[in-house]
Amino acid sequence: MKKRTSLGLEILQRIEKGRIQLFNGHFYRLVRGKVIRQFICWEHGQQIFEDFGKEQRIEKIFQQIKLLFDPTGKIVATRTMSGEPLFAKKESIWQGSGLAMKYGLSDVLRIYHETEAVDFCQWLKEMKRHCYTHYVKT
């Protein structure tokens, strides 16, 4: 049986951007541990998400999350039923680089590698923003 990575609340609180779909069909925009309810509009055949209401903490809706999307709209985590763990998809960043399969990492070490991967992605975004603001002439 293959080992799947479950995503906990602490990992979702560190995600910089994303979208969440609940079991009742509602969508939320995820920004650094806060969520804002969204509704879908259609303009010229394009699906557009508009914010609705005020932001709240992700802890309130964590057990109801069905799908987790990255900023491009790709599904990165799913939950089959309410109350079950939220599992990362095979192609997502949380599945790691194969270290867990090759060396049989413990859960603590696997979580450490997951948080390091998220930190590294955030560092890359900061460096890209820094280089763009300081070295790109417009």
C-alpha atoms as a PDB file:
ATOM      1  CA  MET A   1       0.000   0.000   0.000  1.00  0.00           C
ATOM      2  CA  LYS A   2       1.400   3.370  -0.924  1.00  0.00           C
ATOM      3  CA  LYS A   3       1.988   5.948   1.759  1.00  0.00           C
ATOM      4  CA  ARG A   4       0.111   9.204   1.225  1.00  0.00           C
ATOM      5  CA  THR A   5       1.005  12.485   2.854  1.00  0.00           C
ATOM      6  CA  SER A   6      -1.720  14.015   4.994  1.00  0.00           C
ATOM      7  CA  LEU A   7      -1.787  17.796   5.338  1.00  0.00           C
ATOM      8  CA  GLY A   8      -2.429  19.228   8.759  1.00  0.00           C
ATOM      9  CA  LEU A   9      -3.758  22.573   9.847  1.00  0.00           C
ATOM     10  CA  GLU A  10      -0.255  23.945  10.524  1.00  0.00           C
ATOM     11  CA  ILE A  11       0.785  23.369   6.895  1.00  0.00           C
ATOM     12  CA  LEU A  12      -2.341  25.063   5.528  1.00  0.00           C
ATOM     13  CA  GLN A  13      -1.700  28.083   7.751  1.00  0.00           C
ATOM     14  CA  ARG A  14       1.650  28.608   6.013  1.00  0.00           C
ATOM     15  CA  ILE A  15       0.361  28.473   2.436  1.00  0.00           C
ATOM     16  CA  GLU A  16       0.756  31.873   0.839  1.00  0.00           C
ATOM     17  CA  LYS A  17      -2.044  31.632  -1.777  1.00  0.00           C
ATOM     18  CA  GLY A  18      -4.643  29.109  -2.832  1.00  0.00           C
ATOM     19  CA  ARG A  19      -8.316  28.278  -3.080  1.00  0.00           C
ATOM     20  CA  ILE A  20     -10.421  25.858  -1.046  1.00  0.00           C
ATOM     21  CA  GLN A  21     -13.651  24.096  -1.903  1.00  0.00           C
ATOM     22  CA  LEU A  22     -15.840  22.753   0.899  1.00  0.00           C
ATOM     23  CA  PHE A  23     -18.136  19.734   0.836  1.00  0.00           C
ATOM     24  CA  ASN A  24     -21.165  22.042   0.546  1.00  0.00           C
ATOM     25  CA  GLY A  25     -19.735  23.536  -2.692  1.00  0.00           C
ATOM     26  CA  HIS A  26     -18.615  26.907  -1.270  1.00  0.00           C
ATOM     27  CA  PHE A  27     -15.275  28.334  -2.346  1.00  0.00           C
ATOM     28  CA  TYR A  28     -12.815  30.231  -0.147  1.00  0.00           C
ATOM     29  CA  ARG A  29      -9.627  32.117  -1.021  1.00  0.00           C
ATOM     30  CA  LEU A  30      -6.726  31.063   1.219  1.00  0.00           C
ATOM     31  CA  VAL A  31      -4.096  33.646   2.161  1.00  0.00           C
ATOM     32  CA  ARG A  32      -1.598  32.864   4.952  1.00  0.00           C
ATOM     33  CA  GLY A  33      -3.981  31.045   7.305  1.00  0.00           C
ATOM     34  CA  LYS A  34      -6.977  33.295   6.633  1.00  0.00           C
ATOM     35  CA  VAL A  35      -9.880  32.469   4.333  1.00  0.00           C
ATOM     36  CA  ILE A  36     -12.358  34.719   2.525  1.00  0.00           C
ATOM     37  CA  ARG A  37     -15.608  33.357   1.093  1.00  0.00           C
ATOM     38  CA  GLN A  38     -15.929  33.633  -2.683  1.00  0.00           C
ATOM     39  CA  PHE A  39     -18.712  33.258  -5.204  1.00  0.00           C
ATOM     40  CA  ILE A  40     -18.457  32.465  -8.901  1.00  0.00           C
ATOM     41  CA  CYS A  41     -19.356  34.941 -11.649  1.00  0.00           C
ATOM     42  CA  TRP A  42     -19.214  34.365 -15.391  1.00  0.00           C
ATOM     43  CA  GLU A  43     -17.937  37.122 -17.704  1.00  0.00           C
ATOM     44  CA  HIS A  44     -17.577  36.511 -21.436  1.00  0.00           C
ATOM     45  CA  GLY A  45     -17.508  32.762 -20.825  1.00  0.00           C
ATOM     46  CA  GLN A  46     -14.751  33.031 -18.203  1.00  0.00           C
ATOM     47  CA  GLN A  47     -15.185  31.874 -14.618  1.00  0.00           C
ATOM     48  CA  ILE A  48     -14.315  34.661 -12.150  1.00  0.00           C
ATOM     49  CA  PHE A  49     -14.189  34.381  -8.360  1.00  0.00           C
ATOM     50  CA  GLU A  50     -15.340  37.419  -6.369  1.00  0.00           C
ATOM     51  CA  ASP A  51     -14.744  37.896  -2.627  1.00  0.00           C
ATOM     52  CA  PHE A  52     -17.825  37.872  -0.427  1.00  0.00           C
ATOM     53  CA  GLY A  53     -17.875  38.672   3.281  1.00  0.00           C
ATOM     54  CA  LYS A  54     -15.051  39.146   5.735  1.00  0.00           C
ATOM     55  CA  GLU A  55     -12.001  37.003   6.333  1.00  0.00           C
ATOM     56  CA  GLN A  56     -11.918  34.354   9.033  1.00  0.00           C
ATOM     57  CA  ARG A  57      -9.424  31.865  10.402  1.00  0.00           C
ATOM     58  CA  ILE A  58      -8.941  28.570   8.606  1.00  0.00           C
ATOM     59  CA  GLU A  59      -9.531  26.572  11.800  1.00  0.00           C
ATOM     60  CA  LYS A  60     -13.278  27.207  11.476  1.00  0.00           C
ATOM     61  CA  ILE A  61     -13.575  25.380   8.163  1.00  0.00           C
ATOM     62  CA  PHE A  62     -10.624  22.948   8.233  1.00  0.00           C
ATOM     63  CA  GLN A  63     -12.720  19.794   8.817  1.00  0.00           C
ATOM     64  CA  GLN A  64     -15.067  20.719   5.937  1.00  0.00           C
ATOM     65  CA  ILE A  65     -12.355  21.135   3.253  1.00  0.00           C
ATOM     66  CA  LYS A  66     -12.904  18.857   0.255  1.00  0.00           C
ATOM     67  CA  LEU A  67     -10.366  20.218  -2.272  1.00  0.00           C
ATOM     68  CA  LEU A  68      -7.274  22.425  -2.022  1.00  0.00           C
ATOM     69  CA  PHE A  69      -6.169  24.257  -5.184  1.00  0.00           C
ATOM     70  CA  ASP A  70      -2.876  26.002  -5.915  1.00  0.00           C
ATOM     71  CA  PRO A  71      -2.907  29.577  -7.352  1.00  0.00           C
ATOM     72  CA  THR A  72      -3.042  28.225 -10.927  1.00  0.00           C
ATOM     73  CA  GLY A  73      -6.197  26.203 -10.196  1.00  0.00           C
ATOM     74  CA  LYS A  74      -4.587  22.762 -10.038  1.00  0.00           C
ATOM     75  CA  ILE A  75      -5.880  20.406  -7.314  1.00  0.00           C
ATOM     76  CA  VAL A  76      -3.066  19.667  -4.839  1.00  0.00           C
ATOM     77  CA  ALA A  77      -4.972  17.966  -1.982  1.00  0.00           C
ATOM     78  CA  THR A  78      -8.252  16.092  -1.558  1.00  0.00           C
ATOM     79  CA  ARG A  79     -10.432  14.697   1.210  1.00  0.00           C
ATOM     80  CA  THR A  80     -12.894  11.928   0.378  1.00  0.00           C
ATOM     81  CA  MET A  81     -15.310  12.379   3.290  1.00  0.00           C
ATOM     82  CA  SER A  82     -15.815  14.885   6.070  1.00  0.00           C
ATOM     83  CA  GLY A  83     -13.728  14.043   9.122  1.00  0.00           C
ATOM     84  CA  GLU A  84     -11.059  12.105   7.197  1.00  0.00           C
ATOM     85  CA  PRO A  85      -7.510  13.402   6.643  1.00  0.00           C
ATOM     86  CA  LEU A  86      -6.689  15.818   3.826  1.00  0.00           C
ATOM     87  CA  PHE A  87      -4.271  13.971   1.526  1.00  0.00           C
ATOM     88  CA  ALA A  88      -1.779  15.603  -0.852  1.00  0.00           C
ATOM     89  CA  LYS A  89      -1.916  14.548  -4.489  1.00  0.00           C
ATOM     90  CA  LYS A  90       1.005  12.694  -6.010  1.00  0.00           C
ATOM     91  CA  GLU A  91       2.242  15.701  -8.027  1.00  0.00           C
ATOM     92  CA  SER A  92       2.150  18.225  -5.167  1.00  0.00           C
ATOM     93  CA  ILE A  93       5.123  19.753  -3.364  1.00  0.00           C
ATOM     94  CA  TRP A  94       4.314  17.878  -0.154  1.00  0.00           C
ATOM     95  CA  GLN A  95       5.040  14.480  -1.647  1.00  0.00           C
ATOM     96  CA  GLY A  96       8.700  15.481  -1.504  1.00  0.00           C
ATOM     97  CA  SER A  97      11.599  14.288  -3.590  1.00  0.00           C
ATOM     98  CA  GLY A  98      11.322  10.569  -2.929  1.00  0.00           C
ATOM     99  CA  LEU A  99      13.378  10.633   0.277  1.00  0.00           C
ATOM    100  CA  ALA A 100      10.557   9.052   2.259  1.00  0.00           C
ATOM    101  CA  MET A 101      10.378   6.073  -0.090  1.00  0.00           C
ATOM    102  CA  LYS A 102      14.115   5.571  -0.373  1.00  0.00           C
ATOM    103  CA  TYR A 103      15.073   5.955   3.280  1.00  0.00           C
ATOM    104  CA  GLY A 104      11.795   5.371   5.138  1.00  0.00           C
ATOM    105  CA  LEU A 105      11.602   8.686   6.998  1.00  0.00           C
ATOM    106  CA  SER A 106       9.752   8.919  10.264  1.00  0.00           C
ATOM    107  CA  ASP A 107       6.671  11.131  10.457  1.00  0.00           C
ATOM    108  CA  VAL A 108       8.572  13.818  12.368  1.00  0.00           C
ATOM    109  CA  LEU A 109      11.353  13.944   9.786  1.00  0.00           C
ATOM    110  CA  ARG A 110       8.848  13.898   6.914  1.00  0.00           C
ATOM    111  CA  ILE A 111       6.995  16.884   8.413  1.00  0.00           C
ATOM    112  CA  TYR A 112      10.334  18.672   8.791  1.00  0.00           C
ATOM    113  CA  HIS A 113      11.058  18.167   5.076  1.00  0.00           C
ATOM    114  CA  GLU A 114       7.563  19.378   4.177  1.00  0.00           C
ATOM    115  CA  THR A 115       7.977  22.605   6.129  1.00  0.00           C
ATOM    116  CA  GLU A 116      11.452  23.087   4.636  1.00  0.00           C
ATOM    117  CA  ALA A 117       9.965  22.776   1.146  1.00  0.00           C
ATOM    118  CA  VAL A 118       7.318  25.404   1.921  1.00  0.00           C
ATOM    119  CA  ASP A 119       9.965  27.723   3.442  1.00  0.00           C
ATOM    120  CA  PHE A 120      12.178  27.273   0.375  1.00  0.00           C
ATOM    121  CA  CYS A 121       9.316  28.196  -1.983  1.00  0.00           C
ATOM    122  CA  GLN A 122       8.569  31.313   0.055  1.00  0.00           C
ATOM    123  CA  TRP A 123      12.270  32.261   0.047  1.00  0.00           C
ATOM    124  CA  LEU A 124      12.395  31.871  -3.741  1.00  0.00           C
ATOM    125  CA  LYS A 125       9.390  34.183  -4.117  1.00  0.00           C
ATOM    126  CA  GLU A 126      11.019  36.785  -1.870  1.00  0.00           C
ATOM    127  CA  MET A 127      14.296  36.614  -3.805  1.00  0.00           C
ATOM    128  CA  LYS A 128      12.453  36.947  -7.117  1.00  0.00           C
ATOM    129  CA  ARG A 129      10.560  39.981  -5.792  1.00  0.00           C
ATOM    130  CA  HIS A 130      13.808  41.519  -4.439  1.00  0.00           C
ATOM    131  CA  CYS A 131      15.700  41.018  -7.705  1.00  0.00           C
ATOM    132  CA  TYR A 132      12.836  42.393  -9.732  1.00  0.00           C
ATOM    133  CA  THR A 133      12.541  45.550  -7.635  1.00  0.00           C
ATOM    134  CA  HIS A 134      16.301  46.232  -7.436  1.00  0.00           C
ATOM    135  CA  TYR A 135      17.746  45.019 -10.737  1.00  0.00           C
ATOM    136  CA  VAL A 136      15.054  45.224 -13.403  1.00  0.00           C
ATOM    137  CA  LYS A 137      14.872  48.592 -15.130  1.00  0.00           C
ATOM    138  CA  THR A 138      11.477  49.561 -16.465  1.00  0.00           C
END
